[in-house]
PDB file of N, CA and C in Angstrom:
ATOM      1  N   MET A   1      86.507  77.432 119.331  1.00  0.00           N
ATOM      2  CA  MET A   1      85.279  78.104 118.916  1.00  0.00           C
ATOM      3  C   MET A   1      85.582  79.084 117.880  1.00  0.00           C
ATOM      4  N   GLN A   2      84.918  78.949 116.717  1.00  0.00           N
ATOM      5  CA  GLN A   2      85.183  79.836 115.596  1.00  0.00           C
ATOM      6  C   GLN A   2      84.118  80.898 115.450  1.00  0.00           C
ATOM      7  N   ALA A   3      82.996  80.709 116.030  1.00  0.00           N
ATOM      8  CA  ALA A   3      81.875  81.633 115.815  1.00  0.00           C
ATOM      9  C   ALA A   3      80.902  81.591 117.050  1.00  0.00           C
ATOM     10  N   ILE A   4      80.168  82.654 117.197  1.00  0.00           N
ATOM     11  CA  ILE A   4      79.175  82.680 118.233  1.00  0.00           C
ATOM     12  C   ILE A   4      77.787  82.523 117.568  1.00  0.00           C
ATOM     13  N   ASP A   5      76.995  81.569 117.942  1.00  0.00           N
ATOM     14  CA  ASP A   5      75.660  81.403 117.421  1.00  0.00           C
ATOM     15  C   ASP A   5      74.706  82.261 118.227  1.00  0.00           C
ATOM     16  N   HIS A   6      74.841  82.196 119.559  1.00  0.00           N
ATOM     17  CA  HIS A   6      74.010  83.027 120.423  1.00  0.00           C
ATOM     18  C   HIS A   6      74.699  83.138 121.802  1.00  0.00           C
ATOM     19  N   CYS A   7      74.128  83.945 122.634  1.00  0.00           N
ATOM     20  CA  CYS A   7      74.646  84.220 123.960  1.00  0.00           C
ATOM     21  C   CYS A   7      73.606  83.835 124.976  1.00  0.00           C
ATOM     22  N   THR A   8      74.033  83.593 126.195  1.00  0.00           N
ATOM     23  CA  THR A   8      73.139  83.287 127.294  1.00  0.00           C
ATOM     24  C   THR A   8      73.091  84.575 128.164  1.00  0.00           C
ATOM     25  N   PHE A   9      71.928  85.039 128.473  1.00  0.00           N
ATOM     26  CA  PHE A   9      71.700  86.301 129.203  1.00  0.00           C
ATOM     27  C   PHE A   9      71.083  85.918 130.578  1.00  0.00           C
ATOM     28  N   THR A  10      71.388  86.726 131.543  1.00  0.00           N
ATOM     29  CA  THR A  10      70.678  86.685 132.824  1.00  0.00           C
ATOM     30  C   THR A  10      69.383  87.452 132.698  1.00  0.00           C
ATOM     31  N   ASP A  11      68.592  87.439 133.789  1.00  0.00           N
ATOM     32  CA  ASP A  11      67.324  88.122 133.697  1.00  0.00           C
ATOM     33  C   ASP A  11      67.506  89.674 133.580  1.00  0.00           C
ATOM     34  N   ASP A  12      68.652  90.221 134.030  1.00  0.00           N
ATOM     35  CA  ASP A  12      68.886  91.615 133.845  1.00  0.00           C
ATOM     36  C   ASP A  12      69.793  91.920 132.649  1.00  0.00           C
ATOM     37  N   LEU A  13      69.799  90.962 131.676  1.00  0.00           N
ATOM     38  CA  LEU A  13      70.413  91.116 130.341  1.00  0.00           C
ATOM     39  C   LEU A  13      71.940  91.228 130.377  1.00  0.00           C
ATOM     40  N   VAL A  14      72.577  90.597 131.364  1.00  0.00           N
ATOM     41  CA  VAL A  14      74.021  90.520 131.380  1.00  0.00           C
ATOM     42  C   VAL A  14      74.420  89.208 130.677  1.00  0.00           C
ATOM     43  N   ILE A  15      75.424  89.287 129.763  1.00  0.00           N
ATOM     44  CA  ILE A  15      75.846  88.116 128.983  1.00  0.00           C
ATOM     45  C   ILE A  15      76.787  87.308 129.840  1.00  0.00           C
ATOM     46  N   THR A  16      76.482  86.019 130.027  1.00  0.00           N
ATOM     47  CA  THR A  16      77.332  85.168 130.826  1.00  0.00           C
ATOM     48  C   THR A  16      78.027  84.054 130.080  1.00  0.00           C
ATOM     49  N   ASN A  17      77.402  83.597 128.971  1.00  0.00           N
ATOM     50  CA  ASN A  17      77.944  82.486 128.176  1.00  0.00           C
ATOM     51  C   ASN A  17      77.850  82.796 126.678  1.00  0.00           C
ATOM     52  N   ILE A  18      78.653  82.171 125.978  1.00  0.00           N
ATOM     53  CA  ILE A  18      78.575  82.175 124.507  1.00  0.00           C
ATOM     54  C   ILE A  18      78.420  80.749 124.009  1.00  0.00           C
ATOM     55  N   VAL A  19      77.600  80.568 122.924  1.00  0.00           N
ATOM     56  CA  VAL A  19      77.380  79.256 122.449  1.00  0.00           C
ATOM     57  C   VAL A  19      77.693  79.216 120.910  1.00  0.00           C
ATOM     58  N   SER A  20      78.483  78.225 120.537  1.00  0.00           N
ATOM     59  CA  SER A  20      78.889  78.134 119.088  1.00  0.00           C
ATOM     60  C   SER A  20      77.827  77.476 118.232  1.00  0.00           C
ATOM     61  N   PRO A  21      77.929  77.528 116.950  1.00  0.00           N
ATOM     62  CA  PRO A  21      76.928  76.828 116.088  1.00  0.00           C
ATOM     63  C   PRO A  21      76.946  75.316 116.369  1.00  0.00           C
ATOM     64  N   GLU A  22      78.041  74.788 116.839  1.00  0.00           N
ATOM     65  CA  GLU A  22      78.132  73.343 117.176  1.00  0.00           C
ATOM     66  C   GLU A  22      77.552  73.078 118.584  1.00  0.00           C
ATOM     67  N   LYS A  23      76.982  74.046 119.254  1.00  0.00           N
ATOM     68  CA  LYS A  23      76.366  73.972 120.588  1.00  0.00           C
ATOM     69  C   LYS A  23      77.451  73.906 121.686  1.00  0.00           C
ATOM     70  N   GLU A  24      78.654  74.277 121.453  1.00  0.00           N
ATOM     71  CA  GLU A  24      79.635  74.358 122.516  1.00  0.00           C
ATOM     72  C   GLU A  24      79.311  75.576 123.354  1.00  0.00           C
ATOM     73  N   ASP A  25      79.097  75.326 124.622  1.00  0.00           N
ATOM     74  CA  ASP A  25      78.702  76.439 125.590  1.00  0.00           C
ATOM     75  C   ASP A  25      79.909  76.711 126.440  1.00  0.00           C
ATOM     76  N   VAL A  26      80.333  78.054 126.378  1.00  0.00           N
ATOM     77  CA  VAL A  26      81.499  78.500 127.084  1.00  0.00           C
ATOM     78  C   VAL A  26      81.158  79.629 128.010  1.00  0.00           C
ATOM     79  N   ALA A  27      81.450  79.499 129.269  1.00  0.00           N
ATOM     80  CA  ALA A  27      81.163  80.633 130.186  1.00  0.00           C
ATOM     81  C   ALA A  27      82.269  81.663 130.014  1.00  0.00           C
ATOM     82  N   LEU A  28      81.881  82.942 129.892  1.00  0.00           N
ATOM     83  CA  LEU A  28      82.809  84.037 129.812  1.00  0.00           C
ATOM     84  C   LEU A  28      83.628  84.133 131.085  1.00  0.00           C
ATOM     85  N   SER A  29      84.925  84.495 130.877  1.00  0.00           N
ATOM     86  CA  SER A  29      85.832  84.702 132.067  1.00  0.00           C
ATOM     87  C   SER A  29      85.252  85.779 132.980  1.00  0.00           C
ATOM     88  N   LYS A  30      84.657  86.828 132.332  1.00  0.00           N
ATOM     89  CA  LYS A  30      84.027  87.913 133.071  1.00  0.00           C
ATOM     90  C   LYS A  30      82.754  88.240 132.331  1.00  0.00           C
ATOM     91  N   ASP A  31      81.644  88.365 133.011  1.00  0.00           N
ATOM     92  CA  ASP A  31      80.355  88.709 132.445  1.00  0.00           C
ATOM     93  C   ASP A  31      80.440  90.054 131.709  1.00  0.00           C
ATOM     94  N   LEU A  32      79.562  90.225 130.730  1.00  0.00           N
ATOM     95  CA  LEU A  32      79.533  91.447 129.930  1.00  0.00           C
ATOM     96  C   LEU A  32      78.109  92.067 130.096  1.00  0.00           C
ATOM     97  N   ASP A  33      78.088  93.317 130.575  1.00  0.00           N
ATOM     98  CA  ASP A  33      76.835  94.037 130.681  1.00  0.00           C
ATOM     99  C   ASP A  33      76.704  95.023 129.513  1.00  0.00           C
ATOM    100  N   PRO A  34      75.867  94.702 128.503  1.00  0.00           N
ATOM    101  CA  PRO A  34      75.784  95.504 127.324  1.00  0.00           C
ATOM    102  C   PRO A  34      74.885  96.751 127.476  1.00  0.00           C
ATOM    103  N   LYS A  35      74.165  96.896 128.615  1.00  0.00           N
ATOM    104  CA  LYS A  35      73.298  97.960 128.804  1.00  0.00           C
ATOM    105  C   LYS A  35      73.991  99.309 128.739  1.00  0.00           C
ATOM    106  N   GLY A  36      73.398 100.292 128.049  1.00  0.00           N
ATOM    107  CA  GLY A  36      73.907 101.606 127.967  1.00  0.00           C
ATOM    108  C   GLY A  36      74.934 101.799 126.810  1.00  0.00           C
ATOM    109  N   SER A  37      75.155 100.698 126.075  1.00  0.00           N
ATOM    110  CA  SER A  37      76.111 100.776 124.905  1.00  0.00           C
ATOM    111  C   SER A  37      75.342 100.553 123.591  1.00  0.00           C
ATOM    112  N   SER A  38      75.858 101.127 122.549  1.00  0.00           N
ATOM    113  CA  SER A  38      75.243 100.861 121.228  1.00  0.00           C
ATOM    114  C   SER A  38      75.558  99.424 120.823  1.00  0.00           C
ATOM    115  N   VAL A  39      74.814  98.926 119.883  1.00  0.00           N
ATOM    116  CA  VAL A  39      74.976  97.521 119.445  1.00  0.00           C
ATOM    117  C   VAL A  39      76.450  97.326 118.978  1.00  0.00           C
ATOM    118  N   GLU A  40      76.931  98.270 118.168  1.00  0.00           N
ATOM    119  CA  GLU A  40      78.301  98.137 117.655  1.00  0.00           C
ATOM    120  C   GLU A  40      79.340  98.032 118.754  1.00  0.00           C
ATOM    121  N   VAL A  41      79.153  98.804 119.855  1.00  0.00           N
ATOM    122  CA  VAL A  41      80.140  98.829 120.929  1.00  0.00           C
ATOM    123  C   VAL A  41      80.046  97.564 121.728  1.00  0.00           C
ATOM    124  N   TRP A  42      78.878  97.075 122.102  1.00  0.00           N
ATOM    125  CA  TRP A  42      78.794  95.860 122.876  1.00  0.00           C
ATOM    126  C   TRP A  42      79.162  94.609 122.080  1.00  0.00           C
ATOM    127  N   LEU A  43      78.932  94.626 120.803  1.00  0.00           N
ATOM    128  CA  LEU A  43      79.346  93.482 119.953  1.00  0.00           C
ATOM    129  C   LEU A  43      80.906  93.406 119.906  1.00  0.00           C
ATOM    130  N   MET A  44      81.546  94.577 119.783  1.00  0.00           N
ATOM    131  CA  MET A  44      83.023  94.565 119.796  1.00  0.00           C
ATOM    132  C   MET A  44      83.498  94.146 121.180  1.00  0.00           C
ATOM    133  N   SER A  45      82.826  94.571 122.251  1.00  0.00           N
ATOM    134  CA  SER A  45      83.226  94.126 123.593  1.00  0.00           C
ATOM    135  C   SER A  45      83.012  92.604 123.743  1.00  0.00           C
ATOM    136  N   LEU A  46      81.945  92.115 123.145  1.00  0.00           N
ATOM    137  CA  LEU A  46      81.696  90.655 123.239  1.00  0.00           C
ATOM    138  C   LEU A  46      82.804  89.871 122.511  1.00  0.00           C
ATOM    139  N   GLU A  47      83.222  90.340 121.345  1.00  0.00           N
ATOM    140  CA  GLU A  47      84.302  89.710 120.612  1.00  0.00           C
ATOM    141  C   GLU A  47      85.591  89.690 121.467  1.00  0.00           C
ATOM    142  N   GLU A  48      85.878  90.786 122.113  1.00  0.00           N
ATOM    143  CA  GLU A  48      87.079  90.865 122.944  1.00  0.00           C
ATOM    144  C   GLU A  48      86.961  89.902 124.161  1.00  0.00           C
ATOM    145  N   LYS A  49      85.775  89.879 124.791  1.00  0.00           N
ATOM    146  CA  LYS A  49      85.527  88.912 125.926  1.00  0.00           C
ATOM    147  C   LYS A  49      85.684  87.440 125.439  1.00  0.00           C
ATOM    148  N   MET A  50      85.258  87.176 124.197  1.00  0.00           N
ATOM    149  CA  MET A  50      85.391  85.806 123.675  1.00  0.00           C
ATOM    150  C   MET A  50      86.863  85.520 123.554  1.00  0.00           C
ATOM    151  N   ARG A  51      87.672  86.401 123.036  1.00  0.00           N
ATOM    152  CA  ARG A  51      89.119  86.200 122.850  1.00  0.00           C
ATOM    153  C   ARG A  51      89.789  85.992 124.236  1.00  0.00           C
ATOM    154  N   GLU A  52      89.435  86.884 125.208  1.00  0.00           N
ATOM    155  CA  GLU A  52      90.008  86.771 126.542  1.00  0.00           C
ATOM    156  C   GLU A  52      89.649  85.414 127.186  1.00  0.00           C
ATOM    157  N   THR A  53      88.394  85.013 127.055  1.00  0.00           N
ATOM    158  CA  THR A  53      87.956  83.759 127.609  1.00  0.00           C
ATOM    159  C   THR A  53      88.700  82.568 127.007  1.00  0.00           C
ATOM    160  N   ILE A  54      88.771  82.489 125.695  1.00  0.00           N
ATOM    161  CA  ILE A  54      89.464  81.423 125.026  1.00  0.00           C
ATOM    162  C   ILE A  54      90.932  81.420 125.443  1.00  0.00           C
ATOM    163  N   ARG A  55      91.574  82.614 125.536  1.00  0.00           N
ATOM    164  CA  ARG A  55      92.938  82.706 125.922  1.00  0.00           C
ATOM    165  C   ARG A  55      93.139  82.185 127.376  1.00  0.00           C
ATOM    166  N   ASP A  56      92.208  82.507 128.273  1.00  0.00           N
ATOM    167  CA  ASP A  56      92.255  82.038 129.685  1.00  0.00           C
ATOM    168  C   ASP A  56      92.124  80.512 129.730  1.00  0.00           C
ATOM    169  N   ILE A  57      91.209  79.984 128.908  1.00  0.00           N
ATOM    170  CA  ILE A  57      91.072  78.541 128.896  1.00  0.00           C
ATOM    171  C   ILE A  57      92.305  77.830 128.391  1.00  0.00           C
ATOM    172  N   MET A  58      92.885  78.398 127.344  1.00  0.00           N
ATOM    173  CA  MET A  58      94.128  77.787 126.775  1.00  0.00           C
ATOM    174  C   MET A  58      95.284  77.854 127.776  1.00  0.00           C
ATOM    175  N   LYS A  59      95.428  78.973 128.509  1.00  0.00           N
ATOM    176  CA  LYS A  59      96.517  79.115 129.504  1.00  0.00           C
ATOM    177  C   LYS A  59      96.260  78.050 130.611  1.00  0.00           C
ATOM    178  N   ALA A  60      95.044  77.876 131.042  1.00  0.00           N
ATOM    179  CA  ALA A  60      94.762  76.882 132.102  1.00  0.00           C
ATOM    180  C   ALA A  60      95.069  75.462 131.585  1.00  0.00           C
ATOM    181  N   ALA A  61      94.669  75.212 130.316  1.00  0.00           N
ATOM    182  CA  ALA A  61      94.934  73.862 129.762  1.00  0.00           C
ATOM    183  C   ALA A  61      96.424  73.598 129.633  1.00  0.00           C
ATOM    184  N   LEU A  62      97.159  74.626 129.226  1.00  0.00           N
ATOM    185  CA  LEU A  62      98.628  74.445 129.094  1.00  0.00           C
ATOM    186  C   LEU A  62      99.278  74.194 130.436  1.00  0.00           C
ATOM    187  N   ALA A  63      98.845  74.956 131.449  1.00  0.00           N
ATOM    188  CA  ALA A  63      99.406  74.778 132.775  1.00  0.00           C
ATOM    189  C   ALA A  63      99.078  73.373 133.294  1.00  0.00           C
ATOM    190  N   ASP A  64      97.857  72.906 133.051  1.00  0.00           N
ATOM    191  CA  ASP A  64      97.472  71.576 133.507  1.00  0.00           C
ATOM    192  C   ASP A  64      98.246  70.520 132.759  1.00  0.00           C
ATOM    193  N   TYR A  65      98.455  70.716 131.490  1.00  0.00           N
ATOM    194  CA  TYR A  65      99.216  69.750 130.624  1.00  0.00           C
ATOM    195  C   TYR A  65     100.607  69.616 131.136  1.00  0.00           C
ATOM    196  N   LEU A  66     101.256  70.712 131.512  1.00  0.00           N
ATOM    197  CA  LEU A  66     102.672  70.677 132.005  1.00  0.00           C
ATOM    198  C   LEU A  66     102.776  69.950 133.315  1.00  0.00           C
ATOM    199  N   GLU A  67     101.718  69.865 134.121  1.00  0.00           N
ATOM    200  CA  GLU A  67     101.746  69.185 135.398  1.00  0.00           C
ATOM    201  C   GLU A  67     101.341  67.727 135.311  1.00  0.00           C
ATOM    202  N   VAL A  68     100.752  67.263 134.273  1.00  0.00           N
ATOM    203  CA  VAL A  68     100.330  65.932 134.117  1.00  0.00           C
ATOM    204  C   VAL A  68     101.520  65.022 133.911  1.00  0.00           C
ATOM    205  N   LYS A  69     101.605  63.982 134.700  1.00  0.00           N
ATOM    206  CA  LYS A  69     102.743  63.083 134.578  1.00  0.00           C
ATOM    207  C   LYS A  69     102.229  61.853 133.757  1.00  0.00           C
ATOM    208  N   VAL A  70     102.985  61.572 132.724  1.00  0.00           N
ATOM    209  CA  VAL A  70     102.626  60.416 131.881  1.00  0.00           C
ATOM    210  C   VAL A  70     103.476  59.263 132.255  1.00  0.00           C
ATOM    211  N   PHE A  71     102.844  58.106 132.452  1.00  0.00           N
ATOM    212  CA  PHE A  71     103.576  56.873 132.799  1.00  0.00           C
ATOM    213  C   PHE A  71     103.447  55.960 131.613  1.00  0.00           C
ATOM    214  N   TRP A  72     104.541  55.727 130.961  1.00  0.00           N
ATOM    215  CA  TRP A  72     104.571  54.802 129.799  1.00  0.00           C
ATOM    216  C   TRP A  72     105.057  53.468 130.185  1.00  0.00           C
TER     217      TRP A  72
END
């Protein structure tokens, strides 16, 4: 994911997912509650959550890859 097109919010405005311009929908590792923060602050927090989420996904993929047995 190179960019965020939009976010998915709950009814109480907590951010749960990010969606890329290519419509790739990724659930954040941990929800982000932007309430009470300025736009600049919560956007920076969202960027950090995106990085953490992608890092978590990559770690899980690597761990899964190392356990997959290939039979040739």
